């Protein structure tokens, strides 16, 4: 947030996005560690994605990094997030037919 220099409504939006990504990281960590409680309800994002993340679906995550040294720290954090997400083992995706 500090590097972007946003203010007002954009600052609030950025903070909400960061909170949602933090909650997603908590959910992925709980799944990777196979904890009995997964905090899906800590954010609207994770609550909406609960069936996709914790169900029988296949999960794909894309991580974007910047090629310039100006964004090195942000790119390293994004790669760390992707690395933690990769540790989640959900098994094989199952095919469901709608009837």
Protein backbone atom coordinates (compact mmCIF):
# COMPACT_ATOMS: atom_id res chain seq x y z
CA UNK A 1 0.00 0.00 0.00
CA UNK A 2 2.80 2.40 0.88
CA UNK A 3 4.58 1.98 -2.45
CA UNK A 4 1.46 2.59 -4.54
CA UNK A 5 0.80 6.05 -3.10
CA UNK A 6 -2.99 5.66 -3.36
CA UNK A 7 -5.32 7.70 -1.18
CA UNK A 8 -9.02 7.92 -0.37
CA UNK A 9 -11.32 5.30 -1.87
CA UNK A 10 -8.49 3.61 -3.75
CA UNK A 11 -6.56 3.19 -0.49
CA UNK A 12 -9.56 1.52 1.15
CA UNK A 13 -10.00 -0.79 -1.85
CA UNK A 14 -6.30 -1.71 -1.78
CA UNK A 15 -6.49 -2.50 1.94
CA UNK A 16 -9.53 -4.73 1.38
CA UNK A 17 -7.77 -6.59 -1.42
CA UNK A 18 -4.72 -7.13 0.80
CA UNK A 19 -6.94 -8.45 3.64
CA UNK A 20 -8.66 -10.86 1.24
CA UNK A 21 -5.32 -12.14 -0.07
CA UNK A 22 -4.10 -12.59 3.49
CA UNK A 23 -7.24 -14.60 4.31
CA UNK A 24 -6.67 -16.70 1.16
CA UNK A 25 -3.13 -17.36 2.33
CA UNK A 26 -4.47 -18.48 5.73
CA UNK A 27 -6.90 -20.88 4.03
CA UNK A 28 -4.20 -22.32 1.77
CA UNK A 29 -1.89 -22.73 4.77
CA UNK A 30 -4.58 -24.58 6.73
CA UNK A 31 -5.22 -26.87 3.77
CA UNK A 32 -1.51 -27.53 3.24
CA UNK A 33 -1.09 -28.44 6.92
CA UNK A 34 -4.32 -30.49 6.85
CA UNK A 35 -5.71 -28.64 9.88
CA UNK A 36 -9.14 -29.67 11.16
CA UNK A 37 -10.43 -26.09 10.87
CA UNK A 38 -10.04 -24.12 7.63
CA UNK A 39 -10.95 -20.40 8.05
CA UNK A 40 -13.09 -19.97 4.92
CA UNK A 41 -15.37 -17.43 6.58
CA UNK A 42 -12.62 -14.93 7.40
CA UNK A 43 -13.29 -13.06 4.15
CA UNK A 44 -15.92 -12.81 1.45
CA UNK A 45 -13.37 -14.01 -1.13
CA UNK A 46 -12.51 -17.23 0.67
CA UNK A 47 -16.14 -17.86 1.59
CA UNK A 48 -17.15 -17.58 -2.09
CA UNK A 49 -14.26 -19.79 -3.20
CA UNK A 50 -14.82 -22.45 -0.54
CA UNK A 51 -16.27 -25.04 -2.95
CA UNK A 52 -13.54 -24.37 -5.50
CA UNK A 53 -10.66 -24.48 -3.04
CA UNK A 54 -11.83 -27.16 -0.64
CA UNK A 55 -14.08 -29.22 -2.85
CA UNK A 56 -13.33 -31.68 -5.61
CA UNK A 57 -12.30 -28.97 -8.08
CA UNK A 58 -8.88 -28.53 -9.62
CA UNK A 59 -7.23 -25.32 -8.47
CA UNK A 60 -4.92 -23.29 -10.70
CA UNK A 61 -3.14 -20.18 -9.49
CA UNK A 62 -1.28 -17.65 -11.59
CA UNK A 63 1.32 -15.38 -10.00
CA UNK A 64 2.38 -12.20 -11.78
CA UNK A 65 5.82 -10.74 -11.21
CA UNK A 66 7.36 -7.53 -12.49
CA UNK A 67 10.64 -7.70 -14.48
CA UNK A 68 11.99 -4.42 -13.06
CA UNK A 69 14.06 -3.97 -9.91
CA UNK A 70 11.57 -1.35 -8.68
CA UNK A 71 9.11 -4.14 -7.81
CA UNK A 72 11.56 -6.79 -6.58
CA UNK A 73 10.16 -6.96 -3.04
CA UNK A 74 6.57 -7.28 -4.30
CA UNK A 75 7.58 -9.94 -6.83
CA UNK A 76 9.38 -11.95 -4.13
CA UNK A 77 6.28 -11.79 -1.89
CA UNK A 78 4.09 -12.91 -4.81
CA UNK A 79 6.40 -15.85 -5.52
CA UNK A 80 6.34 -16.80 -1.82
CA UNK A 81 2.53 -16.77 -1.93
CA UNK A 82 2.60 -18.99 -5.02
CA UNK A 83 5.04 -21.34 -3.34
CA UNK A 84 2.76 -21.70 -0.30
CA UNK A 85 -0.23 -22.27 -2.58
CA UNK A 86 1.67 -25.00 -4.39
CA UNK A 87 2.05 -26.96 -1.14
CA UNK A 88 -1.70 -27.62 -1.02
CA UNK A 89 -2.36 -31.21 -2.05
CA UNK A 90 -6.05 -31.75 -2.80
CA UNK A 91 -5.89 -35.06 -4.61
CA UNK A 92 -7.29 -35.70 -8.05
CA UNK A 93 -10.18 -33.59 -9.40
CA UNK A 94 -13.44 -35.50 -9.69
CA UNK A 95 -15.92 -35.21 -12.52
CA UNK A 96 -19.50 -34.43 -11.51
CA UNK A 97 -22.38 -34.64 -13.92
CA UNK A 98 -25.33 -32.32 -13.53
CA UNK A 99 -28.69 -33.99 -13.76
